[in-house]
Amino acid sequence: MESFIVRIYRREAKQKLIGVVEKVGTANRKVFRTIQELWTVLAGRKLPRRMRRSSAERLRGANKAR
């Protein structure tokens, strides 16, 4: 069984979240912006191309919005 750390930085509406999923024991981090993206990351599938950005880019955007 895989273990993950999920950090939620912001929650606006019911379906809108911003956070990071980190696989325990690795440096692998994925950023998500919706519940659907969170489930996609946890299921181990790739995000659709339009949703792929580096973790650093997404976190910068999340921090700007604060």
C-alpha atoms as a PDB file:
ATOM      1  CA  MET A   1       0.000   0.000   0.000  1.00  0.00           C
ATOM      2  CA  GLU A   2       1.279   3.485  -0.885  1.00  0.00           C
ATOM      3  CA  SER A   3       1.244   6.362   1.588  1.00  0.00           C
ATOM      4  CA  PHE A   4       0.750  10.030   0.731  1.00  0.00           C
ATOM      5  CA  ILE A   5       0.875  13.367   2.518  1.00  0.00           C
ATOM      6  CA  VAL A   6      -1.853  15.732   1.303  1.00  0.00           C
ATOM      7  CA  ARG A   7      -1.508  19.440   2.069  1.00  0.00           C
ATOM      8  CA  ILE A   8      -4.438  21.709   1.295  1.00  0.00           C
ATOM      9  CA  TYR A   9      -3.442  25.361   1.124  1.00  0.00           C
ATOM     10  CA  ARG A  10      -6.701  26.940   0.071  1.00  0.00           C
ATOM     11  CA  ARG A  11     -10.319  25.927  -0.273  1.00  0.00           C
ATOM     12  CA  GLU A  12     -12.758  28.338  -1.887  1.00  0.00           C
ATOM     13  CA  ALA A  13     -15.794  26.585  -3.238  1.00  0.00           C
ATOM     14  CA  LYS A  14     -16.963  23.030  -2.710  1.00  0.00           C
ATOM     15  CA  GLN A  15     -15.079  21.703  -5.747  1.00  0.00           C
ATOM     16  CA  LYS A  16     -12.078  24.073  -5.685  1.00  0.00           C
ATOM     17  CA  LEU A  17      -8.969  23.129  -3.703  1.00  0.00           C
ATOM     18  CA  ILE A  18      -5.321  24.028  -4.056  1.00  0.00           C
ATOM     19  CA  GLY A  19      -2.723  21.798  -2.511  1.00  0.00           C
ATOM     20  CA  VAL A  20       0.147  19.356  -2.877  1.00  0.00           C
ATOM     21  CA  VAL A  21       0.315  15.565  -2.725  1.00  0.00           C
ATOM     22  CA  GLU A  22       3.648  14.072  -1.704  1.00  0.00           C
ATOM     23  CA  LYS A  23       4.401  10.373  -1.946  1.00  0.00           C
ATOM     24  CA  VAL A  24       6.000   9.305   1.347  1.00  0.00           C
ATOM     25  CA  GLY A  25       9.654   8.344   1.016  1.00  0.00           C
ATOM     26  CA  THR A  26      10.202  10.187  -2.267  1.00  0.00           C
ATOM     27  CA  ALA A  27      10.747  13.754  -3.406  1.00  0.00           C
ATOM     28  CA  ASN A  28       7.829  13.362  -5.819  1.00  0.00           C
ATOM     29  CA  ARG A  29       5.247  16.143  -5.391  1.00  0.00           C
ATOM     30  CA  LYS A  30       2.183  16.923  -7.476  1.00  0.00           C
ATOM     31  CA  VAL A  31       0.051  20.036  -7.203  1.00  0.00           C
ATOM     32  CA  PHE A  32      -3.731  19.884  -7.591  1.00  0.00           C
ATOM     33  CA  ARG A  33      -6.415  22.556  -8.057  1.00  0.00           C
ATOM     34  CA  THR A  34      -9.635  20.552  -7.877  1.00  0.00           C
ATOM     35  CA  ILE A  35     -10.969  17.479  -6.117  1.00  0.00           C
ATOM     36  CA  GLN A  36     -10.884  15.667  -9.456  1.00  0.00           C
ATOM     37  CA  GLU A  37      -7.165  16.470  -9.913  1.00  0.00           C
ATOM     38  CA  LEU A  38      -6.503  15.257  -6.349  1.00  0.00           C
ATOM     39  CA  TRP A  39      -8.146  11.895  -7.103  1.00  0.00           C
ATOM     40  CA  THR A  40      -6.231  11.650 -10.390  1.00  0.00           C
ATOM     41  CA  VAL A  41      -2.911  12.185  -8.587  1.00  0.00           C
ATOM     42  CA  LEU A  42      -3.768   9.692  -5.834  1.00  0.00           C
ATOM     43  CA  ALA A  43      -4.822   7.100  -8.419  1.00  0.00           C
ATOM     44  CA  GLY A  44      -1.395   7.402 -10.065  1.00  0.00           C
ATOM     45  CA  ARG A  45      -2.694   8.617 -13.403  1.00  0.00           C
ATOM     46  CA  LYS A  46      -1.187  11.502 -15.351  1.00  0.00           C
ATOM     47  CA  LEU A  47      -3.002  14.816 -15.326  1.00  0.00           C
ATOM     48  CA  PRO A  48      -4.405  15.960 -18.680  1.00  0.00           C
ATOM     49  CA  ARG A  49      -1.857  17.987 -20.648  1.00  0.00           C
ATOM     50  CA  ARG A  50      -3.567  21.339 -20.039  1.00  0.00           C
ATOM     51  CA  MET A  51      -3.299  20.793 -16.281  1.00  0.00           C
ATOM     52  CA  ARG A  52       0.421  19.977 -16.233  1.00  0.00           C
ATOM     53  CA  ARG A  53       2.686  22.656 -14.840  1.00  0.00           C
ATOM     54  CA  SER A  54       5.641  22.357 -12.553  1.00  0.00           C
ATOM     55  CA  SER A  55       4.996  22.269  -8.835  1.00  0.00           C
ATOM     56  CA  ALA A  56       6.987  25.469  -8.438  1.00  0.00           C
ATOM     57  CA  GLU A  57       4.804  27.308 -10.991  1.00  0.00           C
ATOM     58  CA  ARG A  58       1.601  26.219  -9.309  1.00  0.00           C
ATOM     59  CA  LEU A  59       2.794  27.040  -5.818  1.00  0.00           C
ATOM     60  CA  ARG A  60       3.898  30.500  -6.951  1.00  0.00           C
ATOM     61  CA  GLY A  61       0.410  31.051  -8.347  1.00  0.00           C
ATOM     62  CA  ALA A  62      -1.216  29.802  -5.138  1.00  0.00           C
ATOM     63  CA  ASN A  63       0.977  32.035  -2.997  1.00  0.00           C
ATOM     64  CA  LYS A  64       0.248  35.104  -5.168  1.00  0.00           C
ATOM     65  CA  ALA A  65      -3.480  34.640  -4.666  1.00  0.00           C
ATOM     66  CA  ARG A  66      -3.128  34.877  -0.887  1.00  0.00           C
END
